[in-house]
C-alpha cells in the first residue's frame, strides 16, 4: 500500500497515551460548550452572565437599595414645585402632597418676577466665573510643582500639608480666616500696634467674592492636587527622557509631555465643575451672610434655604431648586459636548 507525502504519519512522535487523549477530548468538549453558550456576535447571553455574576450582584444590592432610598426616592418630592404645598393640610407632610392644590408653573413664574432671585443668580454666576479662573488652575500648578520635587520625603510632606485643610469644616476654616483677617485678627492688631489703622476683611462686602475664593483654595486645593498627581504618575518616564535627548528643556517637557497627559483629567474635572456652576456653596456663604449682607453673600443655595426653611415657602423653594438642577444638567451636557469636540472623552463617551 502506498502512502502519499501529505498523509505520511509522523514516525518520530510516539503515539498519544490514554491520558493525553482524555485531556484532548475534555478540552475540545469545553470549547464546544463555551462556544454553544455565546451568541453569534460573540456575547455571552444574559442568563449565563446572571448566573455567573450572581455573587457580585447580591453584594451590590444593599448599595443600590441605599442609593434608591436616599437619592432617588426624595426626587418624587419635587412634585410640590407644581403645587401650593401646605404641610399642615394633613396629618403628615407626605400625605399633604396629595391634598395640596395643583398650580402648574406658577411657582416658576414667581421666581422669574422676583428681583432677589436674579440677584442671587448674578452672585452665583459671578462667583463661579471667579473661582473657575482663580481656583481651578491652582491645583494643576501645585501638582506640577510638587511633581518636580526630587526628594520623595519633601514631596510627601508638602502634599500632606496642602491636603490637610480638606478635612476641616467650613466653621473651622472661617474661624481661622477670622482670626487672621478679621478686625480683631493678627494682621489688624499688628498694624494697630505699630501705629497703622487696622482693617476688617471679613466684613468688606466689596472684597467678599475674593475672600470666599481664597477660602475655597485653601480648603480644597489639596484634593485637586491628589487627582492631578495620580494622572502624572501614569506618564511614562521614557517620554521625558526622549524629550530631553531631543534638547527639550524643563518648560518644553512640561508643555509637550506633562500638560497633554493631564488634558483628559482637566477636561473631566472642568465638565463636572461647569455642571456644578450654580452650587458654589451653602454653608460657607450662610455662615458669613450676616457679616457682609445678603446683597453680597446671597447665592442660589442660600436663597432656596431662606425661602423654604426660613419662611416656609416649600413650593417656591422646590421650584427654584428644581430649575437649578435642570440648568446644571444642561450645563453638563453642553460642557461634555464641547469636550468631545476637543477630542476628549469627558464624563461619558460619544
Protein backbone atom coordinates (compact mmCIF):
# COMPACT_ATOMS: atom_id res chain seq x y z
CA UNK A 1 0.00 0.00 0.00
CA UNK A 2 1.46 3.35 -0.99
CA UNK A 3 1.44 6.36 1.32
CA UNK A 4 1.50 9.89 -0.09
CA UNK A 5 3.64 12.68 1.32
CA UNK A 6 0.64 14.61 2.64
CA UNK A 7 -0.71 11.65 4.60
CA UNK A 8 2.61 10.24 5.83
CA UNK A 9 2.43 9.59 9.58
CA UNK A 10 4.98 11.15 11.91
CA UNK A 11 7.01 8.13 12.95
CA UNK A 12 9.31 10.23 15.20
CA UNK A 13 6.43 11.13 17.53
CA UNK A 14 5.27 8.41 19.90
CA UNK A 15 1.57 7.54 19.91
CA UNK A 16 -0.61 9.53 22.30
CA UNK A 17 -1.22 7.97 25.65
CA UNK A 18 -4.63 7.44 27.19
CA UNK A 19 -4.18 10.47 29.48
CA UNK A 20 -3.29 12.77 26.57
CA UNK A 21 -6.30 11.60 24.58
CA UNK A 22 -8.53 12.19 27.63
CA UNK A 23 -7.21 15.75 28.09
CA UNK A 24 -7.67 16.48 24.40
CA UNK A 25 -11.25 15.26 24.44
CA UNK A 26 -12.03 17.24 27.63
CA UNK A 27 -10.51 20.44 26.18
CA UNK A 28 -12.44 20.01 22.96
CA UNK A 29 -15.66 19.45 24.89
CA UNK A 30 -15.08 22.56 26.98
CA UNK A 31 -14.52 24.63 23.85
CA UNK A 32 -17.68 23.27 22.31
CA UNK A 33 -19.69 24.07 25.46
CA UNK A 34 -18.21 27.58 25.67
CA UNK A 35 -18.98 28.23 22.02
CA UNK A 36 -22.53 26.98 22.47
CA UNK A 37 -23.07 29.50 25.27
CA UNK A 38 -22.17 32.50 23.13
CA UNK A 39 -24.33 34.20 20.60
CA UNK A 40 -23.46 34.90 17.00
CA UNK A 41 -21.97 38.27 17.97
CA UNK A 42 -19.62 36.64 20.47
CA UNK A 43 -21.55 37.92 23.52
CA UNK A 44 -22.48 35.76 26.47
CA UNK A 45 -26.27 35.52 26.92
CA UNK A 46 -27.84 37.42 29.81
CA UNK A 47 -28.94 34.22 31.54
CA UNK A 48 -25.38 32.91 31.62
CA UNK A 49 -23.97 36.22 32.81
CA UNK A 50 -26.62 36.45 35.52
CA UNK A 51 -25.74 33.02 36.88
CA UNK A 52 -22.02 33.73 36.59
CA UNK A 53 -22.13 37.10 38.41
CA UNK A 54 -24.87 36.36 40.92
CA UNK A 55 -22.49 36.72 43.89
CA UNK A 56 -21.38 40.19 42.83
CA UNK A 57 -24.97 41.20 42.15
CA UNK A 58 -26.03 40.14 45.64
CA UNK A 59 -23.17 42.17 47.11
CA UNK A 60 -24.33 45.34 45.30
CA UNK A 61 -27.98 45.02 46.37
CA UNK A 62 -27.53 46.89 49.72
CA UNK A 63 -25.69 49.75 47.98
CA UNK A 64 -28.36 50.03 45.30
CA UNK A 65 -31.10 49.96 47.94
CA UNK A 66 -29.48 52.80 49.91
CA UNK A 67 -28.93 54.79 46.72
CA UNK A 68 -32.56 54.43 45.73
CA UNK A 69 -33.80 55.26 49.22
CA UNK A 70 -31.76 58.38 49.88
CA UNK A 71 -31.04 59.71 46.36
CA UNK A 72 -33.90 58.78 44.05
CA UNK A 73 -36.98 58.38 46.24
CA UNK A 74 -36.67 62.01 47.52
CA UNK A 75 -36.82 63.17 43.90
CA UNK A 76 -40.51 62.35 43.96
CA UNK A 77 -40.95 65.25 46.39
CA UNK A 78 -40.19 67.68 43.56
CA UNK A 79 -43.87 67.42 42.67
CA UNK A 80 -44.51 70.13 45.30
CA UNK A 81 -42.86 72.61 42.90
CA UNK A 82 -46.05 72.41 40.83
CA UNK A 83 -48.36 72.75 43.87
CA UNK A 84 -49.29 75.25 46.52
CA UNK A 85 -47.95 72.88 49.13
CA UNK A 86 -49.23 73.16 52.68
CA UNK A 87 -47.67 70.65 55.12
CA UNK A 88 -50.42 71.30 57.68
CA UNK A 89 -53.32 70.31 55.44
CA UNK A 90 -52.88 66.69 56.52
CA UNK A 91 -51.58 64.70 59.46
CA UNK A 92 -48.06 64.41 57.96
CA UNK A 93 -46.04 66.02 55.22
CA UNK A 94 -46.19 63.06 52.84
CA UNK A 95 -49.95 62.76 52.66
CA UNK A 96 -50.18 66.56 52.46
CA UNK A 97 -48.79 66.30 48.94
CA UNK A 98 -51.98 64.53 47.82
CA UNK A 99 -54.21 67.21 49.39
CA UNK A 100 -52.37 70.33 48.18
CA UNK A 101 -53.81 72.18 45.18
CA UNK A 102 -52.10 71.96 41.81
CA UNK A 103 -50.87 75.31 40.42
CA UNK A 104 -48.73 74.24 37.46
CA UNK A 105 -45.85 76.57 36.62
CA UNK A 106 -46.98 79.40 38.89
CA UNK A 107 -44.02 78.97 41.26
CA UNK A 108 -41.55 79.20 38.37
CA UNK A 109 -43.24 82.39 37.15
CA UNK A 110 -42.83 83.84 40.65
CA UNK A 111 -39.10 83.18 40.51
CA UNK A 112 -38.76 84.96 37.16
CA UNK A 113 -40.55 88.03 38.57
CA UNK A 114 -38.55 88.11 41.82
CA UNK A 115 -35.59 90.56 41.75
CA UNK A 116 -34.00 88.77 44.71
CA UNK A 117 -33.85 85.59 42.62
CA UNK A 118 -32.00 87.37 39.83
CA UNK A 119 -29.64 88.99 42.34
CA UNK A 120 -28.81 85.57 43.82
CA UNK A 121 -28.32 84.17 40.31
CA UNK A 122 -25.99 87.03 39.41
CA UNK A 123 -23.88 86.48 42.55
CA UNK A 124 -23.76 82.74 41.87
CA UNK A 125 -22.55 83.11 38.27
CA UNK A 126 -20.04 85.82 39.24
CA UNK A 127 -18.55 83.66 41.99
CA UNK A 128 -18.47 80.63 39.70
CA UNK A 129 -16.59 82.55 36.99
CA UNK A 130 -14.14 83.93 39.55
CA UNK A 131 -13.49 80.54 41.11
CA UNK A 132 -13.13 78.94 37.67
CA UNK A 133 -10.42 81.44 36.72
CA UNK A 134 -8.60 81.70 40.06
CA UNK A 135 -9.30 78.40 41.81
CA UNK A 136 -9.35 75.75 39.07
CA UNK A 137 -5.78 76.30 37.73
CA UNK A 138 -4.18 76.39 41.20
CA UNK A 139 -4.33 72.60 41.90
CA UNK A 140 -2.79 71.98 38.47
CA UNK A 141 0.07 74.39 39.16
CA UNK A 142 0.67 72.96 42.64
CA UNK A 143 0.62 69.39 41.33
CA UNK A 144 3.24 70.29 38.71
CA UNK A 145 5.32 71.99 41.39
CA UNK A 146 5.16 69.04 43.78
CA UNK A 147 5.84 66.58 40.98
CA UNK A 148 9.05 68.44 40.14
CA UNK A 149 10.41 67.98 43.67
CA UNK A 150 13.20 65.40 43.60
CA UNK A 151 13.14 64.19 47.18
CA UNK A 152 10.17 61.87 47.88
CA UNK A 153 10.04 62.78 51.58
CA UNK A 154 9.77 66.51 50.87
CA UNK A 155 7.12 65.78 48.25
CA UNK A 156 5.07 63.68 50.70
CA UNK A 157 5.28 66.32 53.47
CA UNK A 158 4.23 69.12 51.11
CA UNK A 159 1.33 67.09 49.78
CA UNK A 160 0.13 66.22 53.30
CA UNK A 161 0.29 69.86 54.44
CA UNK A 162 -1.71 71.03 51.42
CA UNK A 163 -4.26 68.22 51.72
CA UNK A 164 -4.89 68.63 55.47
CA UNK A 165 -7.36 71.60 55.24
CA UNK A 166 -9.69 69.46 53.13
CA UNK A 167 -10.76 67.69 56.33
CA UNK A 168 -11.61 70.96 58.12
CA UNK A 169 -15.23 72.02 58.36
CA UNK A 170 -16.29 75.38 57.00
CA UNK A 171 -16.84 76.60 60.55
CA UNK A 172 -13.18 75.98 61.34
CA UNK A 173 -11.99 77.46 58.03
CA UNK A 174 -13.95 80.67 58.54
CA UNK A 175 -12.75 80.86 62.15
CA UNK A 176 -9.13 80.64 61.01
CA UNK A 177 -9.68 83.41 58.46
CA UNK A 178 -11.47 85.48 61.09
CA UNK A 179 -8.51 85.19 63.45
CA UNK A 180 -6.14 86.29 60.69
CA UNK A 181 -8.05 88.81 58.55
CA UNK A 182 -10.80 89.95 60.93
CA UNK A 183 -11.00 93.26 62.77
CA UNK A 184 -9.55 91.62 65.88
CA UNK A 185 -7.26 89.35 63.91
CA UNK A 186 -3.50 89.03 63.95
CA UNK A 187 -2.84 91.33 60.98
CA UNK A 188 -5.13 94.12 62.17
CA UNK A 189 -3.74 94.01 65.72
CA UNK A 190 -0.16 94.05 64.46
CA UNK A 191 -0.84 97.09 62.29
CA UNK A 192 -2.51 98.93 65.16
CA UNK A 193 0.40 98.16 67.48
CA UNK A 194 2.75 99.86 65.01
CA UNK A 195 0.58 102.96 64.56
CA UNK A 196 -1.25 101.91 61.41
CA UNK A 197 -5.02 101.75 61.06
CA UNK A 198 -6.40 98.24 61.15
CA UNK A 199 -8.85 96.68 58.74
CA UNK A 200 -11.60 94.06 58.77
CA UNK A 201 -11.58 92.00 55.62
CA UNK A 202 -14.32 89.67 56.90
CA UNK A 203 -16.96 92.42 56.78
CA UNK A 204 -15.93 94.04 53.49
CA UNK A 205 -18.72 93.37 51.00
CA UNK A 206 -16.69 94.56 48.00
CA UNK A 207 -13.90 92.02 48.63
CA UNK A 208 -16.18 89.20 49.76
CA UNK A 209 -16.01 87.31 46.46
CA UNK A 210 -12.22 87.22 46.64
CA UNK A 211 -12.36 86.19 50.28
CA UNK A 212 -14.56 83.14 49.65
CA UNK A 213 -12.39 82.18 46.67
CA UNK A 214 -9.30 82.27 48.89
CA UNK A 215 -11.10 80.15 51.46
CA UNK A 216 -12.04 77.58 48.81
CA UNK A 217 -8.46 77.47 47.51
CA UNK A 218 -7.01 76.94 50.98
CA UNK A 219 -9.53 74.23 51.84
CA UNK A 220 -9.94 72.19 48.67
CA UNK A 221 -6.83 72.74 46.55
CA UNK A 222 -5.18 69.73 48.17
CA UNK A 223 -7.94 67.45 46.92
CA UNK A 224 -7.33 68.51 43.33
CA UNK A 225 -3.59 68.04 43.78
CA UNK A 226 -4.11 64.34 44.54
CA UNK A 227 -6.18 63.86 41.39
CA UNK A 228 -3.59 65.51 39.15
CA UNK A 229 -0.66 63.78 40.82
CA UNK A 230 -2.36 60.44 40.17
CA UNK A 231 -2.60 61.37 36.49
CA UNK A 232 1.05 62.44 36.43
CA UNK A 233 2.17 59.14 37.93
CA UNK A 234 0.85 57.36 34.83
CA UNK A 235 3.11 59.32 32.48
CA UNK A 236 5.99 57.19 31.24
CA UNK A 237 9.47 58.43 32.11
CA UNK A 238 10.57 57.37 28.62
CA UNK A 239 8.71 60.36 27.22
CA UNK A 240 10.65 62.76 29.41
CA UNK A 241 13.93 61.06 28.54
CA UNK A 242 13.17 61.17 24.82
CA UNK A 243 12.23 64.85 25.05
CA UNK A 244 15.43 65.62 26.98
CA UNK A 245 17.52 63.81 24.37
CA UNK A 246 15.89 65.94 21.69
CA UNK A 247 17.05 69.05 23.53
CA UNK A 248 13.77 69.99 25.29
CA UNK A 249 14.24 71.94 28.49
CA UNK A 250 12.13 71.82 31.63
CA UNK A 251 9.42 74.12 30.30
CA UNK A 252 9.31 72.36 26.94
CA UNK A 253 8.90 68.99 28.63
CA UNK A 254 6.10 70.35 30.78
CA UNK A 255 4.31 71.90 27.79
CA UNK A 256 4.66 68.98 25.37
CA UNK A 257 4.63 65.97 27.75
CA UNK A 258 3.09 66.82 31.12
CA UNK A 259 0.17 69.01 30.12
CA UNK A 260 -1.01 66.70 27.28
CA UNK A 261 -1.02 63.85 29.80
CA UNK A 262 -3.19 65.94 32.16
CA UNK A 263 -5.58 67.13 29.45
CA UNK A 264 -8.14 64.27 29.81
CA UNK A 265 -8.31 64.76 33.58
CA UNK A 266 -8.55 68.53 33.20
CA UNK A 267 -11.40 68.14 30.71
CA UNK A 268 -13.27 65.74 33.00
CA UNK A 269 -12.95 67.94 36.09
CA UNK A 270 -13.85 71.02 34.08
CA UNK A 271 -17.05 69.40 32.84
CA UNK A 272 -18.00 68.44 36.38
CA UNK A 273 -17.16 71.92 37.64
CA UNK A 274 -19.29 73.57 34.97
CA UNK A 275 -22.18 71.26 35.88
CA UNK A 276 -21.82 72.41 39.47
CA UNK A 277 -21.72 76.08 38.46
CA UNK A 278 -24.93 77.02 40.27
CA UNK A 279 -23.84 75.33 43.52
CA UNK A 280 -20.93 77.47 44.67
CA UNK A 281 -21.51 76.57 48.30
CA UNK A 282 -24.09 76.76 51.05
CA UNK A 283 -22.53 76.52 54.48
CA UNK A 284 -19.62 78.79 53.57
CA UNK A 285 -21.96 81.61 52.48
CA UNK A 286 -24.59 81.06 55.15
CA UNK A 287 -22.02 81.46 57.94
CA UNK A 288 -20.78 84.79 56.51
CA UNK A 289 -24.05 86.16 55.18
CA UNK A 290 -24.84 88.37 58.16
CA UNK A 291 -21.34 89.86 58.22
CA UNK A 292 -21.39 91.27 54.67
CA UNK A 293 -25.11 91.39 53.95
CA UNK A 294 -27.40 89.41 51.68
CA UNK A 295 -26.54 91.59 48.69
CA UNK A 296 -23.01 90.21 48.54
CA UNK A 297 -23.41 86.72 50.03
CA UNK A 298 -26.81 85.65 48.72
CA UNK A 299 -26.42 82.76 46.24
CA UNK A 300 -29.00 80.33 44.92
CA UNK A 301 -28.36 77.76 47.66
CA UNK A 302 -28.89 80.28 50.47
CA UNK A 303 -31.83 81.76 48.57
CA UNK A 304 -33.54 78.35 48.44
CA UNK A 305 -32.79 77.82 52.14
CA UNK A 306 -34.31 81.20 53.04
CA UNK A 307 -37.45 80.59 51.02
CA UNK A 308 -38.03 77.01 52.14
CA UNK A 309 -36.67 76.71 55.68
CA UNK A 310 -36.74 80.25 56.99
CA UNK A 311 -40.04 81.40 55.50
CA UNK A 312 -41.75 78.03 54.96
CA UNK A 313 -42.50 78.56 51.27
CA UNK A 314 -41.71 74.97 50.31
CA UNK A 315 -43.26 75.00 46.85
CA UNK A 316 -41.36 78.09 45.76
CA UNK A 317 -38.07 76.75 47.15
CA UNK A 318 -38.63 73.42 45.41
CA UNK A 319 -39.31 75.19 42.12
CA UNK A 320 -36.09 77.22 42.33
CA UNK A 321 -34.09 74.15 43.34
CA UNK A 322 -35.58 72.08 40.51
CA UNK A 323 -34.80 74.79 37.96
CA UNK A 324 -31.23 74.98 39.27
CA UNK A 325 -30.83 71.22 38.89
CA UNK A 326 -32.18 71.20 35.33
CA UNK A 327 -29.88 74.04 34.32
CA UNK A 328 -26.96 72.13 35.86
CA UNK A 329 -27.80 69.06 33.75
CA UNK A 330 -27.88 71.19 30.60
CA UNK A 331 -24.51 72.70 31.51
CA UNK A 332 -23.00 69.22 31.99
CA UNK A 333 -24.31 68.04 28.63
CA UNK A 334 -23.10 71.17 26.89
CA UNK A 335 -19.64 71.05 28.51
CA UNK A 336 -19.33 67.36 27.72
CA UNK A 337 -20.23 68.01 24.10
CA UNK A 338 -17.55 70.69 23.98
CA UNK A 339 -15.05 68.19 25.42
CA UNK A 340 -15.95 65.77 22.62
CA UNK A 341 -15.27 68.49 20.05
CA UNK A 342 -11.81 68.93 21.58
CA UNK A 343 -11.16 65.21 21.23
CA UNK A 344 -11.56 64.31 24.90
CA UNK A 345 -13.88 61.75 26.46
CA UNK A 346 -15.42 63.97 29.13
CA UNK A 347 -17.89 62.37 31.54
CA UNK A 348 -19.03 59.75 29.04
CA UNK A 349 -18.03 58.61 25.56
CA UNK A 350 -19.81 59.63 22.38
